[in-house]
Amino acid sequence: MRHVLHAEWTKLRTAGGTGALLLLAIALTVALGAGTSRAVICPDAGCGEDGVRVALTGVTLGQAVVAIAAVLAVSGEYGTGMMRTTLTAVPHRIGVLTAKAAVLTAVVSAAGTVAVLGSLLAGRLILPGNGFTAAHGYPPLSLADGATLRAAAGSVLYLALIALLSLGVAAAVREAATAVGTVLGLLYLFPVVAHVVGDPEWQRRLAQVAPMSAGLAVQSTTGLDRLVIGPWAGLGVLAAWAAAALLTGGLVLRRRDA
């Protein structure tokens, strides 16, 4: 297995665009988080905003770039014909997918950690100037706070799970545009449908099963009793989506010719 992991790491590291995409994901995550932190004002009377979640808003944009990078880790090989060479060298196809998942998880987790820490630092510097002060019940953002640490670690896990979900979808459908469209549809269309549905009960149910809405509950640090799903339970929903995608992708990879 070690040589398979090394091979997948080499391919991911040398693949054109992968590094640039991950740097773009970091930049967009931090930039949107900083921009949102600058835009949200908390008056003296209070605003009821979750400062940590405001600072981490950029994850909702960075995830799209992470999804594209993860899709290309599989679809790029099919597009160039490299997958035939890979499966000839390593006939155990599930081993190949497992190695891809392990390497991708490590790389995205590293990039996600940089993005999340950068977002929290930007929030720590910007939010106090917009009324998010200790006097208003908003101490400076710090990983020493348990809820903030959970939100930060959960956001990194969220991005890693988005990568695994995308990898599974790409293994199942192969074609890059279709895979990217499928993943982005799962992430961004669920909230739109939930908003269109008029029945509050159905809105709640859709929010509980939607991969993005449920998964990002892990970022919440205030008003947890008002969430439609708990922070870790929501991340568990996203993990179930990722597991289902990987299982489907693995089955298709085993049964279909390269």
C-alpha atoms as a PDB file:
ATOM      1  CA  MET A   1       0.000   0.000   0.000  1.00  0.00           C
ATOM      2  CA  ARG A   2       2.908   2.330   0.668  1.00  0.00           C
ATOM      3  CA  HIS A   3       3.982   2.440  -2.970  1.00  0.00           C
ATOM      4  CA  VAL A   4       0.388   3.137  -4.046  1.00  0.00           C
ATOM      5  CA  LEU A   5       0.167   6.064  -1.615  1.00  0.00           C
ATOM      6  CA  HIS A   6       3.504   7.384  -2.867  1.00  0.00           C
ATOM      7  CA  ALA A   7       2.344   7.114  -6.463  1.00  0.00           C
ATOM      8  CA  GLU A   8      -0.910   8.947  -5.740  1.00  0.00           C
ATOM      9  CA  TRP A   9       0.949  11.647  -3.825  1.00  0.00           C
ATOM     10  CA  THR A  10       3.334  12.095  -6.747  1.00  0.00           C
ATOM     11  CA  LYS A  11       0.463  12.344  -9.231  1.00  0.00           C
ATOM     12  CA  LEU A  12      -1.452  14.827  -7.104  1.00  0.00           C
ATOM     13  CA  ARG A  13       1.654  16.913  -6.439  1.00  0.00           C
ATOM     14  CA  THR A  14       2.715  17.061 -10.068  1.00  0.00           C
ATOM     15  CA  ALA A  15      -0.742  17.366 -11.629  1.00  0.00           C
ATOM     16  CA  GLY A  16      -1.143  20.700 -13.318  1.00  0.00           C
ATOM     17  CA  GLY A  17      -3.447  23.029 -11.420  1.00  0.00           C
ATOM     18  CA  THR A  18      -3.932  21.073  -8.190  1.00  0.00           C
ATOM     19  CA  GLY A  19      -1.644  23.276  -6.120  1.00  0.00           C
ATOM     20  CA  ALA A  20      -3.046  26.419  -7.714  1.00  0.00           C
ATOM     21  CA  LEU A  21      -6.605  25.303  -6.969  1.00  0.00           C
ATOM     22  CA  LEU A  22      -5.829  24.657  -3.310  1.00  0.00           C
ATOM     23  CA  LEU A  23      -4.108  28.035  -2.998  1.00  0.00           C
ATOM     24  CA  LEU A  24      -7.165  29.596  -4.629  1.00  0.00           C
ATOM     25  CA  ALA A  25      -9.408  27.794  -2.140  1.00  0.00           C
ATOM     26  CA  ILE A  26      -7.364  29.228   0.732  1.00  0.00           C
ATOM     27  CA  ALA A  27      -7.385  32.732  -0.741  1.00  0.00           C
ATOM     28  CA  LEU A  28     -11.124  32.748  -1.450  1.00  0.00           C
ATOM     29  CA  THR A  29     -11.989  31.336   1.967  1.00  0.00           C
ATOM     30  CA  VAL A  30      -9.951  33.941   3.811  1.00  0.00           C
ATOM     31  CA  ALA A  31     -11.001  36.791   1.513  1.00  0.00           C
ATOM     32  CA  LEU A  32     -14.728  36.100   1.808  1.00  0.00           C
ATOM     33  CA  GLY A  33     -14.445  35.561   5.551  1.00  0.00           C
ATOM     34  CA  ALA A  34     -12.576  38.853   5.958  1.00  0.00           C
ATOM     35  CA  GLY A  35     -15.038  40.656   3.692  1.00  0.00           C
ATOM     36  CA  THR A  36     -18.019  39.348   5.637  1.00  0.00           C
ATOM     37  CA  SER A  37     -16.363  40.259   8.932  1.00  0.00           C
ATOM     38  CA  ARG A  38     -15.882  43.778   7.642  1.00  0.00           C
ATOM     39  CA  ALA A  39     -19.452  44.031   6.324  1.00  0.00           C
ATOM     40  CA  VAL A  40     -21.362  42.806   9.392  1.00  0.00           C
ATOM     41  CA  ILE A  41     -21.946  45.508  11.997  1.00  0.00           C
ATOM     42  CA  CYS A  42     -23.016  44.759  15.559  1.00  0.00           C
ATOM     43  CA  PRO A  43     -24.635  47.840  17.182  1.00  0.00           C
ATOM     44  CA  ASP A  44     -24.506  48.622  20.876  1.00  0.00           C
ATOM     45  CA  ALA A  45     -27.936  47.057  21.358  1.00  0.00           C
ATOM     46  CA  GLY A  46     -26.591  43.730  20.090  1.00  0.00           C
ATOM     47  CA  CYS A  47     -26.963  41.911  16.797  1.00  0.00           C
ATOM     48  CA  GLY A  48     -27.430  38.266  17.651  1.00  0.00           C
ATOM     49  CA  GLU A  49     -24.746  37.239  15.144  1.00  0.00           C
ATOM     50  CA  ASP A  50     -22.366  34.343  15.679  1.00  0.00           C
ATOM     51  CA  GLY A  51     -18.941  35.969  15.348  1.00  0.00           C
ATOM     52  CA  VAL A  52     -17.141  32.695  14.673  1.00  0.00           C
ATOM     53  CA  ARG A  53     -19.549  31.716  11.935  1.00  0.00           C
ATOM     54  CA  VAL A  54     -19.240  35.173  10.382  1.00  0.00           C
ATOM     55  CA  ALA A  55     -15.456  34.803  10.225  1.00  0.00           C
ATOM     56  CA  LEU A  56     -15.763  31.331   8.684  1.00  0.00           C
ATOM     57  CA  THR A  57     -18.280  32.335   5.998  1.00  0.00           C
ATOM     58  CA  GLY A  58     -15.617  31.875   3.328  1.00  0.00           C
ATOM     59  CA  VAL A  59     -15.782  28.090   3.694  1.00  0.00           C
ATOM     60  CA  THR A  60     -19.024  28.193   1.687  1.00  0.00           C
ATOM     61  CA  LEU A  61     -17.028  29.483  -1.302  1.00  0.00           C
ATOM     62  CA  GLY A  62     -13.733  27.680  -0.749  1.00  0.00           C
ATOM     63  CA  GLN A  63     -15.533  24.333  -0.757  1.00  0.00           C
ATOM     64  CA  ALA A  64     -16.405  24.766  -4.442  1.00  0.00           C
ATOM     65  CA  VAL A  65     -12.730  24.994  -5.396  1.00  0.00           C
ATOM     66  CA  VAL A  66     -11.905  22.033  -3.146  1.00  0.00           C
ATOM     67  CA  ALA A  67     -14.621  20.041  -4.922  1.00  0.00           C
ATOM     68  CA  ILE A  68     -13.155  20.885  -8.333  1.00  0.00           C
ATOM     69  CA  ALA A  69      -9.649  19.862  -7.227  1.00  0.00           C
ATOM     70  CA  ALA A  70     -10.968  16.563  -5.851  1.00  0.00           C
ATOM     71  CA  VAL A  71     -12.935  15.790  -9.014  1.00  0.00           C
ATOM     72  CA  LEU A  72      -9.872  16.400 -11.180  1.00  0.00           C
ATOM     73  CA  ALA A  73      -7.875  13.919  -9.087  1.00  0.00           C
ATOM     74  CA  VAL A  74      -9.970  11.191 -10.751  1.00  0.00           C
ATOM     75  CA  SER A  75     -11.521  12.718 -13.868  1.00  0.00           C
ATOM     76  CA  GLY A  76      -8.191  14.157 -14.959  1.00  0.00           C
ATOM     77  CA  GLU A  77      -6.741  10.651 -15.133  1.00  0.00           C
ATOM     78  CA  TYR A  78      -9.669   9.400 -17.177  1.00  0.00           C
ATOM     79  CA  GLY A  79      -9.373  12.359 -19.517  1.00  0.00           C
ATOM     80  CA  THR A  80      -5.688  11.724 -20.242  1.00  0.00           C
ATOM     81  CA  GLY A  81      -5.936   7.936 -20.285  1.00  0.00           C
ATOM     82  CA  MET A  82      -3.588   7.711 -17.291  1.00  0.00           C
ATOM     83  CA  MET A  83      -6.189   5.677 -15.399  1.00  0.00           C
ATOM     84  CA  ARG A  84      -5.499   2.669 -17.625  1.00  0.00           C
ATOM     85  CA  THR A  85      -1.824   2.828 -16.680  1.00  0.00           C
ATOM     86  CA  THR A  86      -2.703   3.233 -13.010  1.00  0.00           C
ATOM     87  CA  LEU A  87      -5.017   0.229 -12.963  1.00  0.00           C
ATOM     88  CA  THR A  88      -2.535  -1.866 -14.915  1.00  0.00           C
ATOM     89  CA  ALA A  89       0.166  -1.112 -12.362  1.00  0.00           C
ATOM     90  CA  VAL A  90      -2.248  -1.569  -9.424  1.00  0.00           C
ATOM     91  CA  PRO A  91      -5.014  -4.037 -10.372  1.00  0.00           C
ATOM     92  CA  HIS A  92      -6.628  -3.712  -6.925  1.00  0.00           C
ATOM     93  CA  ARG A  93      -8.983  -0.880  -7.837  1.00  0.00           C
ATOM     94  CA  ILE A  94     -10.362  -0.263  -4.365  1.00  0.00           C
ATOM     95  CA  GLY A  95      -6.779   0.120  -3.183  1.00  0.00           C
ATOM     96  CA  VAL A  96      -6.258   2.837  -5.783  1.00  0.00           C
ATOM     97  CA  LEU A  97      -9.395   4.698  -4.683  1.00  0.00           C
ATOM     98  CA  THR A  98      -8.417   4.307  -1.018  1.00  0.00           C
ATOM     99  CA  ALA A  99      -4.959   5.719  -1.694  1.00  0.00           C
ATOM    100  CA  LYS A 100      -6.446   8.646  -3.620  1.00  0.00           C
ATOM    101  CA  ALA A 101      -8.835   9.329  -0.746  1.00  0.00           C
ATOM    102  CA  ALA A 102      -6.064   9.196   1.861  1.00  0.00           C
ATOM    103  CA  VAL A 103      -3.731  11.527  -0.041  1.00  0.00           C
ATOM    104  CA  LEU A 104      -6.528  13.921  -0.938  1.00  0.00           C
ATOM    105  CA  THR A 105      -7.751  14.036   2.664  1.00  0.00           C
ATOM    106  CA  ALA A 106      -4.275  14.896   3.928  1.00  0.00           C
ATOM    107  CA  VAL A 107      -3.680  17.622   1.347  1.00  0.00           C
ATOM    108  CA  VAL A 108      -7.121  19.221   1.693  1.00  0.00           C
ATOM    109  CA  SER A 109      -6.911  19.063   5.488  1.00  0.00           C
ATOM    110  CA  ALA A 110      -3.602  20.947   5.376  1.00  0.00           C
ATOM    111  CA  ALA A 111      -4.998  23.577   3.014  1.00  0.00           C
ATOM    112  CA  GLY A 112      -8.211  23.771   5.049  1.00  0.00           C
ATOM    113  CA  THR A 113      -6.267  24.346   8.256  1.00  0.00           C
ATOM    114  CA  VAL A 114      -4.446  27.299   6.696  1.00  0.00           C
ATOM    115  CA  ALA A 115      -7.717  28.700   5.325  1.00  0.00           C
ATOM    116  CA  VAL A 116      -9.605  28.346   8.611  1.00  0.00           C
ATOM    117  CA  LEU A 117      -6.804  29.796  10.735  1.00  0.00           C
ATOM    118  CA  GLY A 118      -6.430  32.687   8.310  1.00  0.00           C
ATOM    119  CA  SER A 119     -10.169  33.360   8.445  1.00  0.00           C
ATOM    120  CA  LEU A 120     -10.236  33.329  12.239  1.00  0.00           C
ATOM    121  CA  LEU A 121      -7.224  35.639  12.395  1.00  0.00           C
ATOM    122  CA  ALA A 122      -8.911  38.065  10.009  1.00  0.00           C
ATOM    123  CA  GLY A 123     -12.075  37.907  12.109  1.00  0.00           C
ATOM    124  CA  ARG A 124     -10.132  38.481  15.314  1.00  0.00           C
ATOM    125  CA  LEU A 125      -8.578  41.618  13.814  1.00  0.00           C
ATOM    126  CA  ILE A 126     -11.665  42.999  12.039  1.00  0.00           C
ATOM    127  CA  LEU A 127     -14.738  42.099  14.106  1.00  0.00           C
ATOM    128  CA  PRO A 128     -13.921  44.178  17.235  1.00  0.00           C
ATOM    129  CA  GLY A 129     -13.965  47.323  15.090  1.00  0.00           C
ATOM    130  CA  ASN A 130     -17.535  46.477  14.027  1.00  0.00           C
ATOM    131  CA  GLY A 131     -18.943  46.159  17.522  1.00  0.00           C
ATOM    132  CA  PHE A 132     -18.037  42.535  18.232  1.00  0.00           C
ATOM    133  CA  THR A 133     -16.391  43.392  21.525  1.00  0.00           C
ATOM    134  CA  ALA A 134     -16.221  41.778  24.943  1.00  0.00           C
ATOM    135  CA  ALA A 135     -18.492  44.540  26.255  1.00  0.00           C
ATOM    136  CA  HIS A 136     -21.175  43.326  23.837  1.00  0.00           C
ATOM    137  CA  GLY A 137     -20.640  39.676  24.708  1.00  0.00           C
ATOM    138  CA  TYR A 138     -18.121  38.903  21.972  1.00  0.00           C
ATOM    139  CA  PRO A 139     -14.654  38.115  23.327  1.00  0.00           C
ATOM    140  CA  PRO A 140     -11.839  38.064  20.734  1.00  0.00           C
ATOM    141  CA  LEU A 141     -11.869  34.925  18.607  1.00  0.00           C
ATOM    142  CA  SER A 142      -9.513  32.380  20.113  1.00  0.00           C
ATOM    143  CA  LEU A 143      -8.888  28.663  19.755  1.00  0.00           C
ATOM    144  CA  ALA A 144      -8.615  28.566  23.537  1.00  0.00           C
ATOM    145  CA  ASP A 145     -12.411  28.781  23.536  1.00  0.00           C
ATOM    146  CA  GLY A 146     -13.863  25.286  23.212  1.00  0.00           C
ATOM    147  CA  ALA A 147     -16.720  26.253  20.893  1.00  0.00           C
ATOM    148  CA  THR A 148     -14.392  28.184  18.583  1.00  0.00           C
ATOM    149  CA  LEU A 149     -11.939  25.279  18.492  1.00  0.00           C
ATOM    150  CA  ARG A 150     -14.780  22.899  17.620  1.00  0.00           C
ATOM    151  CA  ALA A 151     -15.958  25.211  14.852  1.00  0.00           C
ATOM    152  CA  ALA A 152     -12.434  25.513  13.457  1.00  0.00           C
ATOM    153  CA  ALA A 153     -11.647  21.790  13.583  1.00  0.00           C
ATOM    154  CA  GLY A 154     -15.107  20.989  12.257  1.00  0.00           C
ATOM    155  CA  SER A 155     -14.622  23.352   9.308  1.00  0.00           C
ATOM    156  CA  VAL A 156     -11.384  21.590   8.362  1.00  0.00           C
ATOM    157  CA  LEU A 157     -13.157  18.226   8.599  1.00  0.00           C
ATOM    158  CA  TYR A 158     -16.011  19.668   6.552  1.00  0.00           C
ATOM    159  CA  LEU A 159     -13.667  20.573   3.694  1.00  0.00           C
ATOM    160  CA  ALA A 160     -12.019  17.139   3.838  1.00  0.00           C
ATOM    161  CA  LEU A 161     -15.432  15.468   3.632  1.00  0.00           C
ATOM    162  CA  ILE A 162     -16.402  17.674   0.690  1.00  0.00           C
ATOM    163  CA  ALA A 163     -13.246  16.445  -1.041  1.00  0.00           C
ATOM    164  CA  LEU A 164     -14.151  12.809  -0.349  1.00  0.00           C
ATOM    165  CA  LEU A 165     -17.721  13.347  -1.543  1.00  0.00           C
ATOM    166  CA  SER A 166     -16.376  14.876  -4.749  1.00  0.00           C
ATOM    167  CA  LEU A 167     -13.865  12.071  -5.210  1.00  0.00           C
ATOM    168  CA  GLY A 168     -16.605   9.458  -4.916  1.00  0.00           C
ATOM    169  CA  VAL A 169     -18.861  11.254  -7.379  1.00  0.00           C
ATOM    170  CA  ALA A 170     -15.985  11.624  -9.851  1.00  0.00           C
ATOM    171  CA  ALA A 171     -15.155   7.911  -9.591  1.00  0.00           C
ATOM    172  CA  ALA A 172     -18.788   7.099 -10.351  1.00  0.00           C
ATOM    173  CA  VAL A 173     -19.426   9.444 -13.278  1.00  0.00           C
ATOM    174  CA  ARG A 174     -15.843   9.981 -14.538  1.00  0.00           C
ATOM    175  CA  GLU A 175     -16.536  13.047 -16.695  1.00  0.00           C
ATOM    176  CA  ALA A 176     -15.250  16.169 -14.935  1.00  0.00           C
ATOM    177  CA  ALA A 177     -18.005  18.637 -15.859  1.00  0.00           C
ATOM    178  CA  THR A 178     -20.745  16.192 -14.879  1.00  0.00           C
ATOM    179  CA  ALA A 179     -19.044  15.370 -11.589  1.00  0.00           C
ATOM    180  CA  VAL A 180     -18.474  19.019 -10.681  1.00  0.00           C
ATOM    181  CA  GLY A 181     -22.062  19.888 -11.607  1.00  0.00           C
ATOM    182  CA  THR A 182     -23.388  17.022  -9.504  1.00  0.00           C
ATOM    183  CA  VAL A 183     -21.372  17.987  -6.427  1.00  0.00           C
ATOM    184  CA  LEU A 184     -22.120  21.708  -6.658  1.00  0.00           C
ATOM    185  CA  GLY A 185     -25.780  20.897  -7.206  1.00  0.00           C
ATOM    186  CA  LEU A 186     -25.833  18.812  -4.030  1.00  0.00           C
ATOM    187  CA  LEU A 187     -24.154  21.599  -2.088  1.00  0.00           C
ATOM    188  CA  TYR A 188     -25.927  24.703  -3.332  1.00  0.00           C
ATOM    189  CA  LEU A 189     -29.311  23.607  -4.690  1.00  0.00           C
ATOM    190  CA  PHE A 190     -30.552  21.986  -1.476  1.00  0.00           C
ATOM    191  CA  PRO A 191     -30.682  25.343   0.370  1.00  0.00           C
ATOM    192  CA  VAL A 192     -32.460  26.942  -2.610  1.00  0.00           C
ATOM    193  CA  VAL A 193     -35.088  24.191  -2.675  1.00  0.00           C
ATOM    194  CA  ALA A 194     -35.517  24.458   1.097  1.00  0.00           C
ATOM    195  CA  HIS A 195     -36.057  28.200   0.746  1.00  0.00           C
ATOM    196  CA  VAL A 196     -38.640  27.721  -2.016  1.00  0.00           C
ATOM    197  CA  VAL A 197     -40.608  25.100  -0.092  1.00  0.00           C
ATOM    198  CA  GLY A 198     -43.275  26.871   1.907  1.00  0.00           C
ATOM    199  CA  ASP A 199     -43.854  24.228   4.573  1.00  0.00           C
ATOM    200  CA  PRO A 200     -41.630  24.981   7.619  1.00  0.00           C
ATOM    201  CA  GLU A 201     -41.506  21.290   8.545  1.00  0.00           C
ATOM    202  CA  TRP A 202     -40.183  20.334   5.130  1.00  0.00           C
ATOM    203  CA  GLN A 203     -37.729  23.213   5.264  1.00  0.00           C
ATOM    204  CA  ARG A 204     -36.401  21.809   8.531  1.00  0.00           C
ATOM    205  CA  ARG A 205     -36.167  18.280   7.140  1.00  0.00           C
ATOM    206  CA  LEU A 206     -34.339  19.408   4.014  1.00  0.00           C
ATOM    207  CA  ALA A 207     -31.897  21.427   6.116  1.00  0.00           C
ATOM    208  CA  GLN A 208     -31.234  18.339   8.228  1.00  0.00           C
ATOM    209  CA  VAL A 209     -30.280  16.155   5.247  1.00  0.00           C
ATOM    210  CA  ALA A 210     -28.646  18.714   2.940  1.00  0.00           C
ATOM    211  CA  PRO A 211     -24.872  18.132   2.927  1.00  0.00           C
ATOM    212  CA  MET A 212     -23.924  21.812   3.155  1.00  0.00           C
ATOM    213  CA  SER A 213     -26.639  23.046   5.540  1.00  0.00           C
ATOM    214  CA  ALA A 214     -26.184  20.103   7.892  1.00  0.00           C
ATOM    215  CA  GLY A 215     -22.398  20.006   7.674  1.00  0.00           C
ATOM    216  CA  LEU A 216     -21.876  23.718   8.334  1.00  0.00           C
ATOM    217  CA  ALA A 217     -23.848  23.475  11.582  1.00  0.00           C
ATOM    218  CA  VAL A 218     -20.495  22.545  13.089  1.00  0.00           C
ATOM    219  CA  GLN A 219     -19.462  26.191  12.748  1.00  0.00           C
ATOM    220  CA  SER A 220     -22.165  27.426  15.127  1.00  0.00           C
ATOM    221  CA  THR A 221     -21.045  28.539  18.575  1.00  0.00           C
ATOM    222  CA  THR A 222     -24.188  30.334  19.775  1.00  0.00           C
ATOM    223  CA  GLY A 223     -27.891  29.522  19.738  1.00  0.00           C
ATOM    224  CA  LEU A 224     -27.254  25.791  19.461  1.00  0.00           C
ATOM    225  CA  ASP A 225     -30.726  25.072  20.813  1.00  0.00           C
ATOM    226  CA  ARG A 226     -32.209  26.796  17.748  1.00  0.00           C
ATOM    227  CA  LEU A 227     -30.291  24.751  15.177  1.00  0.00           C
ATOM    228  CA  VAL A 228     -32.253  22.252  13.095  1.00  0.00           C
ATOM    229  CA  ILE A 229     -29.429  19.752  13.692  1.00  0.00           C
ATOM    230  CA  GLY A 230     -26.576  19.622  16.183  1.00  0.00           C
ATOM    231  CA  PRO A 231     -23.005  20.553  15.147  1.00  0.00           C
ATOM    232  CA  TRP A 232     -21.490  17.057  15.195  1.00  0.00           C
ATOM    233  CA  ALA A 233     -24.695  15.388  14.021  1.00  0.00           C
ATOM    234  CA  GLY A 234     -24.696  17.726  11.017  1.00  0.00           C
ATOM    235  CA  LEU A 235     -21.120  16.821  10.210  1.00  0.00           C
ATOM    236  CA  GLY A 236     -22.170  13.181  10.511  1.00  0.00           C
ATOM    237  CA  VAL A 237     -24.795  13.759   7.806  1.00  0.00           C
ATOM    238  CA  LEU A 238     -22.091  15.076   5.474  1.00  0.00           C
ATOM    239  CA  ALA A 239     -19.890  12.091   6.370  1.00  0.00           C
ATOM    240  CA  ALA A 240     -22.754   9.780   5.369  1.00  0.00           C
ATOM    241  CA  TRP A 241     -23.035  11.554   2.004  1.00  0.00           C
ATOM    242  CA  ALA A 242     -19.281  11.191   1.470  1.00  0.00           C
ATOM    243  CA  ALA A 243     -19.342   7.506   2.453  1.00  0.00           C
ATOM    244  CA  ALA A 244     -22.238   6.815   0.087  1.00  0.00           C
ATOM    245  CA  ALA A 245     -20.441   8.589  -2.765  1.00  0.00           C
ATOM    246  CA  LEU A 246     -17.203   6.669  -2.147  1.00  0.00           C
ATOM    247  CA  LEU A 247     -19.070   3.366  -1.913  1.00  0.00           C
ATOM    248  CA  THR A 248     -20.857   4.070  -5.199  1.00  0.00           C
ATOM    249  CA  GLY A 249     -17.651   5.225  -6.853  1.00  0.00           C
ATOM    250  CA  GLY A 250     -15.803   2.137  -5.629  1.00  0.00           C
ATOM    251  CA  LEU A 251     -18.463  -0.214  -6.961  1.00  0.00           C
ATOM    252  CA  VAL A 252     -18.497   1.497 -10.357  1.00  0.00           C
ATOM    253  CA  LEU A 253     -14.702   1.496 -10.490  1.00  0.00           C
ATOM    254  CA  ARG A 254     -14.626  -2.261  -9.831  1.00  0.00           C
ATOM    255  CA  ARG A 255     -17.252  -3.159 -12.415  1.00  0.00           C
ATOM    256  CA  ARG A 256     -16.466  -0.833 -15.284  1.00  0.00           C
ATOM    257  CA  ASP A 257     -13.517  -0.833 -17.683  1.00  0.00           C
ATOM    258  CA  ALA A 258     -11.046   1.994 -17.447  1.00  0.00           C
END
